[in-house]
């Protein structure tokens, strides 16, 4: 073998070794990149799962707040309706009492009017008698 061929074969072996070394380095870099990508994907998936859980929790809390508010409004409305019914009943009772008092007042006024008429008639009778007595004494 000639020295030139030997040198070329040595150079080819060296280039092959370089190619093998570069492939090994490329494989290691690819594995490292894949591992880093998988870590990033796992971290992203974990964050996505956490965010989804947070969204579900917030939706549940919001729905519960709506339910609580709705129940509070219903209770307030029921209490207001109850108050209105009680006030209406009180108004009716007060009107009835006012009407009864008015009727009693009118009855008393009519009774007093009769008493005054009777007393007036008695006084007019007494006055007439006294006039007659005075005229008779003259």
Protein backbone atom coordinates (compact mmCIF):
# COMPACT_ATOMS: atom_id res chain seq x y z
CA UNK A 1 0.00 0.00 0.00
CA UNK A 2 1.15 3.32 -0.82
CA UNK A 3 1.65 6.03 1.67
CA UNK A 4 -0.88 8.12 -0.10
CA UNK A 5 -3.47 5.41 0.18
CA UNK A 6 -2.56 4.84 3.79
CA UNK A 7 -2.93 8.51 4.45
CA UNK A 8 -6.29 8.55 2.69
CA UNK A 9 -7.48 5.50 4.62
CA UNK A 10 -6.36 7.13 7.85
CA UNK A 11 -8.18 10.27 6.84
CA UNK A 12 -11.31 8.22 5.99
CA UNK A 13 -11.09 6.44 9.35
CA UNK A 14 -10.67 9.77 11.05
CA UNK A 15 -13.65 11.20 9.16
CA UNK A 16 -15.72 8.10 10.00
CA UNK A 17 -14.78 8.45 13.65
CA UNK A 18 -15.71 12.13 13.47
CA UNK A 19 -19.06 11.25 11.85
CA UNK A 20 -19.70 8.62 14.59
CA UNK A 21 -18.75 11.11 17.28
CA UNK A 22 -20.96 13.78 15.71
CA UNK A 23 -23.87 11.29 15.42
CA UNK A 24 -23.41 10.33 19.07
CA UNK A 25 -23.37 14.02 20.02
CA UNK A 26 -26.41 14.66 17.83
CA UNK A 27 -28.24 11.70 19.45
CA UNK A 28 -27.34 12.99 22.92
CA UNK A 29 -28.52 16.48 21.92
CA UNK A 30 -31.72 15.04 20.47
CA UNK A 31 -32.32 13.01 23.64
CA UNK A 32 -31.63 16.08 25.75
CA UNK A 33 -33.95 18.16 23.57
CA UNK A 34 -36.67 15.48 23.71
CA UNK A 35 -36.28 15.24 27.48
CA UNK A 36 -36.48 19.04 27.81
CA UNK A 37 -39.51 19.15 25.51
CA UNK A 38 -41.17 16.36 27.51
CA UNK A 39 -40.43 18.25 30.74
CA UNK A 40 -41.88 21.42 29.25
CA UNK A 41 -44.94 19.53 28.01
CA UNK A 42 -45.37 17.88 31.42
CA UNK A 43 -45.04 21.27 33.15
CA UNK A 44 -47.50 22.81 30.69
CA UNK A 45 -49.93 19.92 31.16
CA UNK A 46 -49.61 20.29 34.92
CA UNK A 47 -50.26 24.03 34.69
CA UNK A 48 -53.20 23.45 32.32
CA UNK A 49 -54.67 20.88 34.74
CA UNK A 50 -54.18 23.34 37.62
CA UNK A 51 -55.81 26.16 35.63
CA UNK A 52 -58.72 23.90 34.66
CA UNK A 53 -59.18 22.93 38.31
CA UNK A 54 -59.07 26.61 39.27
CA UNK A 55 -61.66 27.44 36.59
CA UNK A 56 -63.93 24.65 37.82
CA UNK A 57 -63.54 25.83 41.41
CA UNK A 58 -64.26 29.44 40.43
CA UNK A 59 -67.30 28.41 38.38
CA UNK A 60 -68.58 26.36 41.32
CA UNK A 61 -67.99 29.28 43.68
CA UNK A 62 -69.72 31.66 41.28
CA UNK A 63 -72.68 29.31 40.88
CA UNK A 64 -72.90 28.89 44.65
CA UNK A 65 -72.79 32.68 45.06
CA UNK A 66 -75.61 32.99 42.52
CA UNK A 67 -77.61 30.34 44.35
CA UNK A 68 -76.97 32.02 47.70
CA UNK A 69 -77.95 35.42 46.27
CA UNK A 70 -81.06 33.95 44.70
CA UNK A 71 -82.04 32.31 47.99
CA UNK A 72 -81.38 35.59 49.82
CA UNK A 73 -83.56 37.47 47.33
CA UNK A 74 -86.30 34.84 47.70
CA UNK A 75 -86.11 35.12 51.49
CA UNK A 76 -86.23 38.91 51.26
CA UNK A 77 -89.20 38.76 48.90
CA UNK A 78 -90.99 36.29 51.17
CA UNK A 79 -90.32 38.52 54.18
CA UNK A 80 -91.52 41.58 52.26
CA UNK A 81 -94.67 39.75 51.15
CA UNK A 82 -95.27 38.68 54.73
CA UNK A 83 -94.77 42.27 55.93
CA UNK A 84 -97.15 43.51 53.22
CA UNK A 85 -99.78 40.98 54.24
CA UNK A 86 -99.40 41.96 57.88
CA UNK A 87 -99.62 45.64 57.00
CA UNK A 88 -102.70 45.02 54.87
CA UNK A 89 -104.28 43.09 57.73
CA UNK A 90 -103.40 45.94 60.11
CA UNK A 91 -104.90 48.49 57.69
CA UNK A 92 -108.08 46.44 57.42
CA UNK A 93 -108.27 46.07 61.20
CA UNK A 94 -107.66 49.80 61.70
CA UNK A 95 -110.31 50.67 59.09
CA UNK A 96 -112.77 48.35 60.78
CA UNK A 97 -111.96 49.89 64.14
CA UNK A 98 -112.27 53.38 62.66
CA UNK A 99 -115.64 52.48 61.13
CA UNK A 100 -116.81 51.03 64.45
CA UNK A 101 -115.62 54.14 66.28
CA UNK A 102 -117.30 56.32 63.68
CA UNK A 103 -120.53 54.34 64.04
CA UNK A 104 -120.30 54.57 67.86
CA UNK A 105 -119.61 58.29 67.57
CA UNK A 106 -122.59 58.76 65.29
CA UNK A 107 -124.75 56.70 67.66
CA UNK A 108 -123.59 58.82 70.61
CA UNK A 109 -124.17 62.02 68.65
CA UNK A 110 -127.66 60.86 67.72
CA UNK A 111 -128.29 59.88 71.34
CA UNK A 112 -127.03 63.26 72.51
CA UNK A 113 -129.13 64.98 69.89
CA UNK A 114 -132.20 63.12 71.20
CA UNK A 115 -131.25 63.99 74.75
CA UNK A 116 -130.81 67.66 73.79
CA UNK A 117 -134.16 67.61 71.94
CA UNK A 118 -135.83 66.01 74.94
CA UNK A 119 -134.14 68.48 77.30
CA UNK A 120 -135.09 71.35 74.98
CA UNK A 121 -138.64 70.12 74.89
CA UNK A 122 -138.65 69.86 78.70
CA UNK A 123 -137.10 73.33 79.01
CA UNK A 124 -139.61 74.75 76.53
CA UNK A 125 -142.36 73.05 78.50
CA UNK A 126 -140.97 74.47 81.74
CA UNK A 127 -140.68 77.90 80.14
CA UNK A 128 -144.25 77.67 78.88
CA UNK A 129 -145.43 76.67 82.34
CA UNK A 130 -143.53 79.51 83.95
CA UNK A 131 -145.02 82.00 81.44
CA UNK A 132 -148.43 80.73 82.14
CA UNK A 133 -147.81 80.99 85.84
CA UNK A 134 -146.44 84.49 85.45
CA UNK A 135 -149.39 85.52 83.33
CA UNK A 136 -151.74 83.96 85.81
CA UNK A 137 -150.13 85.87 88.65
CA UNK A 138 -150.51 89.17 86.91
